[in-house]
PDB file of N, CA and C in Angstrom:
ATOM      1  N   MET A   1     157.573-101.201 170.996  1.00  0.00           N
ATOM      2  CA  MET A   1     156.945-100.943 172.178  1.00  0.00           C
ATOM      3  C   MET A   1     157.724 -99.836 173.086  1.00  0.00           C
ATOM      4  N   SER A   2     156.894 -98.590 173.470  1.00  0.00           N
ATOM      5  CA  SER A   2     157.639 -97.698 174.237  1.00  0.00           C
ATOM      6  C   SER A   2     158.045 -98.433 175.495  1.00  0.00           C
ATOM      7  N   SER A   3     158.969 -97.465 176.213  1.00  0.00           N
ATOM      8  CA  SER A   3     159.097 -98.122 177.831  1.00  0.00           C
ATOM      9  C   SER A   3     158.073 -97.846 178.894  1.00  0.00           C
ATOM     10  N   PRO A   4     158.276 -98.363 179.884  1.00  0.00           N
ATOM     11  CA  PRO A   4     156.956 -97.999 180.637  1.00  0.00           C
ATOM     12  C   PRO A   4     156.835 -96.740 181.383  1.00  0.00           C
ATOM     13  N   GLU A   5     158.261 -96.022 181.908  1.00  0.00           N
ATOM     14  CA  GLU A   5     157.986 -94.921 181.954  1.00  0.00           C
ATOM     15  C   GLU A   5     157.631 -93.451 181.373  1.00  0.00           C
ATOM     16  N   LYS A   6     157.797 -94.005 179.787  1.00  0.00           N
ATOM     17  CA  LYS A   6     157.053 -93.020 178.782  1.00  0.00           C
ATOM     18  C   LYS A   6     155.449 -93.148 178.868  1.00  0.00           C
ATOM     19  N   ASN A   7     155.030 -94.565 179.221  1.00  0.00           N
ATOM     20  CA  ASN A   7     153.650 -94.423 178.957  1.00  0.00           C
ATOM     21  C   ASN A   7     152.871 -94.199 180.710  1.00  0.00           C
ATOM     22  N   PHE A   8     153.726 -93.876 181.432  1.00  0.00           N
ATOM     23  CA  PHE A   8     152.946 -93.477 182.898  1.00  0.00           C
ATOM     24  C   PHE A   8     151.972 -92.484 182.585  1.00  0.00           C
ATOM     25  N   PRO A   9     150.557 -92.977 183.115  1.00  0.00           N
ATOM     26  CA  PRO A   9     150.762 -94.291 184.212  1.00  0.00           C
ATOM     27  C   PRO A   9     149.928 -95.165 183.614  1.00  0.00           C
ATOM     28  N   PHE A  10     149.935 -95.085 181.996  1.00  0.00           N
ATOM     29  CA  PHE A  10     148.724 -96.412 181.514  1.00  0.00           C
ATOM     30  C   PHE A  10     150.343 -97.679 181.532  1.00  0.00           C
ATOM     31  N   THR A  11     149.720 -98.857 181.654  1.00  0.00           N
ATOM     32  CA  THR A  11     150.375-100.061 181.949  1.00  0.00           C
ATOM     33  C   THR A  11     149.794-100.669 180.252  1.00  0.00           C
ATOM     34  N   SER A  12     150.972-101.964 180.217  1.00  0.00           N
ATOM     35  CA  SER A  12     150.391-102.010 178.871  1.00  0.00           C
ATOM     36  C   SER A  12     149.086-102.992 179.089  1.00  0.00           C
ATOM     37  N   SER A  13     148.616-103.597 180.211  1.00  0.00           N
ATOM     38  CA  SER A  13     147.404-103.968 180.076  1.00  0.00           C
ATOM     39  C   SER A  13     146.473-102.965 180.019  1.00  0.00           C
ATOM     40  N   HIS A  14     146.539-101.800 180.332  1.00  0.00           N
ATOM     41  CA  HIS A  14     145.523-100.839 179.860  1.00  0.00           C
ATOM     42  C   HIS A  14     145.432-100.104 178.598  1.00  0.00           C
ATOM     43  N   ILE A  15     146.536-100.230 178.084  1.00  0.00           N
ATOM     44  CA  ILE A  15     146.725-100.158 176.354  1.00  0.00           C
ATOM     45  C   ILE A  15     146.500-101.022 175.829  1.00  0.00           C
ATOM     46  N   ARG A  16     146.375-102.530 175.822  1.00  0.00           N
ATOM     47  CA  ARG A  16     145.644-103.214 175.160  1.00  0.00           C
ATOM     48  C   ARG A  16     144.271-103.509 175.241  1.00  0.00           C
ATOM     49  N   GLU A  17     143.537-102.983 176.474  1.00  0.00           N
ATOM     50  CA  GLU A  17     142.389-103.119 176.783  1.00  0.00           C
ATOM     51  C   GLU A  17     141.495-101.682 175.958  1.00  0.00           C
ATOM     52  N   PHE A  18     142.449-100.743 176.024  1.00  0.00           N
ATOM     53  CA  PHE A  18     142.031 -99.429 175.450  1.00  0.00           C
ATOM     54  C   PHE A  18     141.952 -99.738 173.827  1.00  0.00           C
ATOM     55  N   LYS A  19     142.829-100.482 173.189  1.00  0.00           N
ATOM     56  CA  LYS A  19     143.003-101.072 171.674  1.00  0.00           C
ATOM     57  C   LYS A  19     141.995-101.760 171.273  1.00  0.00           C
ATOM     58  N   LYS A  20     141.341-102.391 172.174  1.00  0.00           N
ATOM     59  CA  LYS A  20     140.380-103.534 171.833  1.00  0.00           C
ATOM     60  C   LYS A  20     138.906-102.615 171.825  1.00  0.00           C
ATOM     61  N   GLU A  21     138.766-101.956 172.705  1.00  0.00           N
ATOM     62  CA  GLU A  21     137.585-100.913 172.840  1.00  0.00           C
ATOM     63  C   GLU A  21     137.826-100.013 171.318  1.00  0.00           C
ATOM     64  N   LEU A  22     138.792 -99.216 171.136  1.00  0.00           N
ATOM     65  CA  LEU A  22     138.647 -98.458 169.741  1.00  0.00           C
ATOM     66  C   LEU A  22     138.279 -99.284 168.886  1.00  0.00           C
ATOM     67  N   ILE A  23     138.960-100.373 168.588  1.00  0.00           N
ATOM     68  CA  ILE A  23     138.360-101.593 167.290  1.00  0.00           C
ATOM     69  C   ILE A  23     137.025-101.648 167.080  1.00  0.00           C
ATOM     70  N   LYS A  24     136.528-102.130 168.461  1.00  0.00           N
ATOM     71  CA  LYS A  24     134.893-102.655 168.772  1.00  0.00           C
ATOM     72  C   LYS A  24     134.331-101.473 168.284  1.00  0.00           C
ATOM     73  N   ALA A  25     134.485 -99.896 169.183  1.00  0.00           N
ATOM     74  CA  ALA A  25     133.693 -99.043 168.792  1.00  0.00           C
ATOM     75  C   ALA A  25     133.903 -98.179 167.432  1.00  0.00           C
ATOM     76  N   GLY A  26     135.051 -98.622 166.731  1.00  0.00           N
ATOM     77  CA  GLY A  26     135.263 -98.129 165.409  1.00  0.00           C
ATOM     78  C   GLY A  26     136.081 -96.949 165.203  1.00  0.00           C
ATOM     79  N   GLY A  27     136.842 -96.616 166.180  1.00  0.00           N
ATOM     80  CA  GLY A  27     137.521 -95.858 165.729  1.00  0.00           C
ATOM     81  C   GLY A  27     137.622 -94.397 167.423  1.00  0.00           C
ATOM     82  N   PHE A  28     138.608 -93.706 167.485  1.00  0.00           N
ATOM     83  CA  PHE A  28     138.577 -92.658 168.789  1.00  0.00           C
ATOM     84  C   PHE A  28     137.272 -92.278 169.080  1.00  0.00           C
ATOM     85  N   ILE A  29     136.740 -91.318 167.934  1.00  0.00           N
ATOM     86  CA  ILE A  29     135.569 -90.448 168.332  1.00  0.00           C
ATOM     87  C   ILE A  29     134.204 -91.182 168.733  1.00  0.00           C
ATOM     88  N   PRO A  30     134.180 -92.655 167.931  1.00  0.00           N
ATOM     89  CA  PRO A  30     132.739 -93.425 168.399  1.00  0.00           C
ATOM     90  C   PRO A  30     133.363 -94.137 169.830  1.00  0.00           C
ATOM     91  N   LEU A  31     134.414 -94.121 170.025  1.00  0.00           N
ATOM     92  CA  LEU A  31     134.831 -94.499 171.651  1.00  0.00           C
ATOM     93  C   LEU A  31     134.472 -93.392 172.396  1.00  0.00           C
ATOM     94  N   MET A  32     134.928 -92.137 172.299  1.00  0.00           N
ATOM     95  CA  MET A  32     134.903 -91.142 172.942  1.00  0.00           C
ATOM     96  C   MET A  32     132.985 -90.645 173.041  1.00  0.00           C
ATOM     97  N   VAL A  33     132.475 -90.815 172.048  1.00  0.00           N
ATOM     98  CA  VAL A  33     130.664 -90.935 172.536  1.00  0.00           C
ATOM     99  C   VAL A  33     130.361 -91.804 173.223  1.00  0.00           C
ATOM    100  N   GLN A  34     130.989 -93.229 173.554  1.00  0.00           N
ATOM    101  CA  GLN A  34     130.465 -94.101 174.332  1.00  0.00           C
ATOM    102  C   GLN A  34     130.702 -93.730 175.755  1.00  0.00           C
ATOM    103  N   LYS A  35     131.846 -93.365 175.714  1.00  0.00           N
ATOM    104  CA  LYS A  35     132.374 -93.055 177.141  1.00  0.00           C
ATOM    105  C   LYS A  35     131.751 -91.584 177.825  1.00  0.00           C
ATOM    106  N   GLU A  36     131.053 -91.050 176.929  1.00  0.00           N
ATOM    107  CA  GLU A  36     130.747 -89.741 176.997  1.00  0.00           C
ATOM    108  C   GLU A  36     131.770 -88.294 177.329  1.00  0.00           C
ATOM    109  N   ALA A  37     132.683 -88.956 176.817  1.00  0.00           N
ATOM    110  CA  ALA A  37     133.839 -87.360 176.523  1.00  0.00           C
ATOM    111  C   ALA A  37     133.405 -86.657 175.530  1.00  0.00           C
ATOM    112  N   ILE A  38     132.716 -87.207 174.983  1.00  0.00           N
ATOM    113  CA  ILE A  38     132.006 -86.145 173.582  1.00  0.00           C
ATOM    114  C   ILE A  38     130.722 -86.366 173.287  1.00  0.00           C
ATOM    115  N   LYS A  39     129.818 -85.085 172.798  1.00  0.00           N
ATOM    116  CA  LYS A  39     128.415 -85.388 172.976  1.00  0.00           C
ATOM    117  C   LYS A  39     128.366 -85.016 171.238  1.00  0.00           C
ATOM    118  N   ARG A  40     127.292 -85.496 170.480  1.00  0.00           N
ATOM    119  CA  ARG A  40     127.074 -85.145 168.935  1.00  0.00           C
ATOM    120  C   ARG A  40     125.789 -84.475 169.408  1.00  0.00           C
ATOM    121  N   CYS A  41     126.149 -83.509 168.210  1.00  0.00           N
ATOM    122  CA  CYS A  41     124.787 -82.622 168.111  1.00  0.00           C
ATOM    123  C   CYS A  41     124.598 -82.009 167.097  1.00  0.00           C
ATOM    124  N   ASP A  42     123.747 -82.678 165.731  1.00  0.00           N
ATOM    125  CA  ASP A  42     123.929 -82.112 164.394  1.00  0.00           C
ATOM    126  C   ASP A  42     124.949 -82.318 164.103  1.00  0.00           C
ATOM    127  N   TRP A  43     125.631 -83.073 164.170  1.00  0.00           N
ATOM    128  CA  TRP A  43     127.095 -84.044 163.322  1.00  0.00           C
ATOM    129  C   TRP A  43     128.330 -83.258 164.036  1.00  0.00           C
ATOM    130  N   ILE A  44     128.126 -82.335 164.767  1.00  0.00           N
ATOM    131  CA  ILE A  44     129.189 -81.492 165.888  1.00  0.00           C
ATOM    132  C   ILE A  44     129.158 -82.268 166.889  1.00  0.00           C
ATOM    133  N   ASN A  45     131.161 -82.596 167.657  1.00  0.00           N
ATOM    134  CA  ASN A  45     131.218 -82.938 168.347  1.00  0.00           C
ATOM    135  C   ASN A  45     131.570 -81.656 169.548  1.00  0.00           C
ATOM    136  N   TYR A  46     130.946 -81.996 170.728  1.00  0.00           N
ATOM    137  CA  TYR A  46     131.632 -80.921 171.666  1.00  0.00           C
ATOM    138  C   TYR A  46     132.164 -81.756 172.789  1.00  0.00           C
ATOM    139  N   ILE A  47     133.004 -81.310 173.128  1.00  0.00           N
ATOM    140  CA  ILE A  47     133.452 -82.097 174.776  1.00  0.00           C
ATOM    141  C   ILE A  47     133.209 -81.663 175.896  1.00  0.00           C
ATOM    142  N   SER A  48     132.449 -82.840 176.537  1.00  0.00           N
ATOM    143  CA  SER A  48     131.780 -82.769 177.622  1.00  0.00           C
ATOM    144  C   SER A  48     132.829 -82.175 178.909  1.00  0.00           C
ATOM    145  N   ILE A  49     131.636 -81.773 179.789  1.00  0.00           N
ATOM    146  CA  ILE A  49     132.723 -81.503 180.898  1.00  0.00           C
ATOM    147  C   ILE A  49     131.810 -82.095 182.131  1.00  0.00           C
ATOM    148  N   TYR A  50     132.251 -82.402 183.216  1.00  0.00           N
ATOM    149  CA  TYR A  50     131.506 -83.483 184.323  1.00  0.00           C
ATOM    150  C   TYR A  50     132.245 -82.346 185.657  1.00  0.00           C
ATOM    151  N   LYS A  51     131.466 -81.964 186.333  1.00  0.00           N
ATOM    152  CA  LYS A  51     131.737 -81.247 187.711  1.00  0.00           C
ATOM    153  C   LYS A  51     131.858 -82.482 188.689  1.00  0.00           C
ATOM    154  N   ASP A  52     131.487 -83.207 188.634  1.00  0.00           N
ATOM    155  CA  ASP A  52     131.391 -84.280 189.750  1.00  0.00           C
ATOM    156  C   ASP A  52     132.301 -85.619 189.172  1.00  0.00           C
ATOM    157  N   ILE A  53     133.531 -85.055 189.218  1.00  0.00           N
ATOM    158  CA  ILE A  53     134.565 -86.161 188.689  1.00  0.00           C
ATOM    159  C   ILE A  53     134.448 -87.739 189.095  1.00  0.00           C
ATOM    160  N   GLU A  54     133.919 -87.812 190.419  1.00  0.00           N
ATOM    161  CA  GLU A  54     133.964 -89.002 191.310  1.00  0.00           C
ATOM    162  C   GLU A  54     132.887 -89.953 190.564  1.00  0.00           C
ATOM    163  N   GLU A  55     131.784 -89.147 190.075  1.00  0.00           N
ATOM    164  CA  GLU A  55     130.655 -89.868 189.298  1.00  0.00           C
ATOM    165  C   GLU A  55     131.404 -90.503 188.063  1.00  0.00           C
ATOM    166  N   TYR A  56     131.821 -89.705 186.984  1.00  0.00           N
ATOM    167  CA  TYR A  56     132.266 -90.594 185.857  1.00  0.00           C
ATOM    168  C   TYR A  56     133.150 -91.554 185.986  1.00  0.00           C
ATOM    169  N   LYS A  57     134.294 -91.154 187.266  1.00  0.00           N
ATOM    170  CA  LYS A  57     135.308 -92.279 187.437  1.00  0.00           C
ATOM    171  C   LYS A  57     134.792 -93.564 187.320  1.00  0.00           C
ATOM    172  N   THR A  58     133.365 -93.216 188.715  1.00  0.00           N
ATOM    173  CA  THR A  58     132.702 -94.698 188.910  1.00  0.00           C
ATOM    174  C   THR A  58     132.213 -95.291 188.014  1.00  0.00           C
ATOM    175  N   LYS A  59     131.952 -94.558 186.886  1.00  0.00           N
ATOM    176  CA  LYS A  59     131.090 -95.097 185.503  1.00  0.00           C
ATOM    177  C   LYS A  59     132.012 -95.477 184.527  1.00  0.00           C
ATOM    178  N   TYR A  60     132.811 -95.078 184.345  1.00  0.00           N
ATOM    179  CA  TYR A  60     134.011 -95.503 183.324  1.00  0.00           C
ATOM    180  C   TYR A  60     135.369 -96.017 183.618  1.00  0.00           C
ATOM    181  N   LEU A  61     135.713 -95.384 184.729  1.00  0.00           N
ATOM    182  CA  LEU A  61     137.155 -96.339 185.308  1.00  0.00           C
ATOM    183  C   LEU A  61     136.888 -97.203 186.095  1.00  0.00           C
ATOM    184  N   THR A  62     136.665 -98.311 185.020  1.00  0.00           N
ATOM    185  CA  THR A  62     136.047 -99.659 185.933  1.00  0.00           C
ATOM    186  C   THR A  62     136.724-100.680 185.432  1.00  0.00           C
ATOM    187  N   GLY A  63     136.901-102.154 185.329  1.00  0.00           N
ATOM    188  CA  GLY A  63     137.246-103.124 184.828  1.00  0.00           C
ATOM    189  C   GLY A  63     139.185-102.875 185.039  1.00  0.00           C
ATOM    190  N   ALA A  64     139.437-102.814 183.872  1.00  0.00           N
ATOM    191  CA  ALA A  64     141.051-102.454 183.675  1.00  0.00           C
ATOM    192  C   ALA A  64     141.588-101.410 183.810  1.00  0.00           C
ATOM    193  N   TYR A  65     140.836-100.325 183.949  1.00  0.00           N
ATOM    194  CA  TYR A  65     141.115 -99.181 184.318  1.00  0.00           C
ATOM    195  C   TYR A  65     140.702 -98.511 185.736  1.00  0.00           C
ATOM    196  N   LYS A  66     140.403 -99.632 186.563  1.00  0.00           N
ATOM    197  CA  LYS A  66     140.322 -99.105 187.853  1.00  0.00           C
ATOM    198  C   LYS A  66     141.140 -98.436 188.699  1.00  0.00           C
ATOM    199  N   SER A  67     142.401 -98.890 188.217  1.00  0.00           N
ATOM    200  CA  SER A  67     143.692 -98.555 189.152  1.00  0.00           C
ATOM    201  C   SER A  67     144.248 -97.040 188.942  1.00  0.00           C
ATOM    202  N   LEU A  68     143.375 -96.362 187.449  1.00  0.00           N
ATOM    203  CA  LEU A  68     143.757 -95.199 187.236  1.00  0.00           C
ATOM    204  C   LEU A  68     142.632 -94.183 187.763  1.00  0.00           C
ATOM    205  N   ARG A  69     141.688 -94.489 188.750  1.00  0.00           N
ATOM    206  CA  ARG A  69     141.245 -93.610 189.523  1.00  0.00           C
ATOM    207  C   ARG A  69     141.838 -92.497 189.956  1.00  0.00           C
ATOM    208  N   SER A  70     142.669 -92.815 190.971  1.00  0.00           N
ATOM    209  CA  SER A  70     143.505 -91.993 191.802  1.00  0.00           C
ATOM    210  C   SER A  70     144.125 -90.947 190.685  1.00  0.00           C
ATOM    211  N   LEU A  71     144.249 -91.140 189.404  1.00  0.00           N
ATOM    212  CA  LEU A  71     145.111 -90.510 188.548  1.00  0.00           C
ATOM    213  C   LEU A  71     144.272 -89.507 187.832  1.00  0.00           C
ATOM    214  N   TYR A  72     142.849 -90.021 187.839  1.00  0.00           N
ATOM    215  CA  TYR A  72     142.075 -89.188 187.148  1.00  0.00           C
ATOM    216  C   TYR A  72     141.588 -87.748 187.695  1.00  0.00           C
ATOM    217  N   ASP A  73     141.831 -86.398 187.505  1.00  0.00           N
ATOM    218  CA  ASP A  73     141.542 -85.466 187.902  1.00  0.00           C
ATOM    219  C   ASP A  73     141.229 -83.904 187.007  1.00  0.00           C
ATOM    220  N   THR A  74     140.209 -84.365 186.332  1.00  0.00           N
ATOM    221  CA  THR A  74     139.733 -83.395 185.172  1.00  0.00           C
ATOM    222  C   THR A  74     138.134 -83.349 185.214  1.00  0.00           C
ATOM    223  N   GLU A  75     137.657 -82.408 184.512  1.00  0.00           N
ATOM    224  CA  GLU A  75     136.310 -82.087 184.508  1.00  0.00           C
ATOM    225  C   GLU A  75     136.016 -82.557 183.188  1.00  0.00           C
ATOM    226  N   MET A  76     137.127 -82.784 182.102  1.00  0.00           N
ATOM    227  CA  MET A  76     137.023 -82.892 180.895  1.00  0.00           C
ATOM    228  C   MET A  76     137.245 -84.284 180.585  1.00  0.00           C
ATOM    229  N   PRO A  77     136.761 -85.180 180.434  1.00  0.00           N
ATOM    230  CA  PRO A  77     137.277 -86.949 180.432  1.00  0.00           C
ATOM    231  C   PRO A  77     138.404 -86.807 178.985  1.00  0.00           C
ATOM    232  N   TYR A  78     137.473 -86.016 178.024  1.00  0.00           N
ATOM    233  CA  TYR A  78     138.191 -85.959 176.988  1.00  0.00           C
ATOM    234  C   TYR A  78     140.153 -86.195 176.832  1.00  0.00           C
ATOM    235  N   ILE A  79     140.369 -85.210 177.852  1.00  0.00           N
ATOM    236  CA  ILE A  79     141.740 -84.654 177.794  1.00  0.00           C
ATOM    237  C   ILE A  79     142.189 -85.816 178.764  1.00  0.00           C
ATOM    238  N   PHE A  80     141.652 -86.691 179.282  1.00  0.00           N
ATOM    239  CA  PHE A  80     142.085 -88.252 179.850  1.00  0.00           C
ATOM    240  C   PHE A  80     142.407 -89.226 178.864  1.00  0.00           C
ATOM    241  N   TRP A  81     141.337 -89.469 178.133  1.00  0.00           N
ATOM    242  CA  TRP A  81     141.232 -90.506 176.953  1.00  0.00           C
ATOM    243  C   TRP A  81     142.280 -89.935 175.905  1.00  0.00           C
ATOM    244  N   ASN A  82     142.270 -88.692 175.370  1.00  0.00           N
ATOM    245  CA  ASN A  82     142.984 -88.319 174.287  1.00  0.00           C
ATOM    246  C   ASN A  82     144.745 -88.563 174.358  1.00  0.00           C
ATOM    247  N   THR A  83     145.093 -88.400 175.910  1.00  0.00           N
ATOM    248  CA  THR A  83     146.035 -88.609 176.053  1.00  0.00           C
ATOM    249  C   THR A  83     146.408 -90.370 176.078  1.00  0.00           C
ATOM    250  N   PHE A  84     145.809 -90.584 176.810  1.00  0.00           N
ATOM    251  CA  PHE A  84     145.785 -92.061 176.553  1.00  0.00           C
ATOM    252  C   PHE A  84     145.656 -92.853 174.846  1.00  0.00           C
ATOM    253  N   TYR A  85     144.897 -92.339 174.007  1.00  0.00           N
ATOM    254  CA  TYR A  85     144.409 -92.795 172.822  1.00  0.00           C
ATOM    255  C   TYR A  85     146.139 -92.508 172.255  1.00  0.00           C
ATOM    256  N   GLU A  86     146.691 -91.358 172.533  1.00  0.00           N
ATOM    257  CA  GLU A  86     148.040 -90.824 171.776  1.00  0.00           C
ATOM    258  C   GLU A  86     149.271 -91.962 172.469  1.00  0.00           C
ATOM    259  N   ILE A  87     149.305 -92.344 173.512  1.00  0.00           N
ATOM    260  CA  ILE A  87     150.036 -93.434 174.322  1.00  0.00           C
ATOM    261  C   ILE A  87     149.584 -94.627 173.601  1.00  0.00           C
ATOM    262  N   ALA A  88     148.528 -95.048 172.963  1.00  0.00           N
ATOM    263  CA  ALA A  88     148.169 -96.353 172.687  1.00  0.00           C
ATOM    264  C   ALA A  88     148.750 -96.580 171.325  1.00  0.00           C
ATOM    265  N   ILE A  89     148.567 -95.318 170.552  1.00  0.00           N
ATOM    266  CA  ILE A  89     148.678 -95.381 169.140  1.00  0.00           C
ATOM    267  C   ILE A  89     150.245 -95.525 168.802  1.00  0.00           C
ATOM    268  N   GLU A  90     151.231 -95.266 169.570  1.00  0.00           N
ATOM    269  CA  GLU A  90     152.480 -95.249 169.946  1.00  0.00           C
ATOM    270  C   GLU A  90     152.844 -96.744 170.295  1.00  0.00           C
ATOM    271  N   ASN A  91     152.443 -97.697 170.707  1.00  0.00           N
ATOM    272  CA  ASN A  91     152.640 -98.685 171.239  1.00  0.00           C
ATOM    273  C   ASN A  91     151.802 -99.949 170.513  1.00  0.00           C
TER     274      ASN A  91
END
């Protein structure tokens, strides 16, 4: 397992929860569709953009992820979740 500094801002608790969600969703892309970070149209994936990042944080950074709200600062949730995914698969 990687050091906590390397995983910042994600804790082992965040990573465990994310891995559970990945398994339940059936993979990263299906999870991103569930989290509305990606939209599918005719089997093409499009990265979603949210001008109101507070609304997105309120909807998807809940439970185990609530502590990450202050660090979330992008209109493109895919960027946030992809970084999270890269760290999760290394651990």
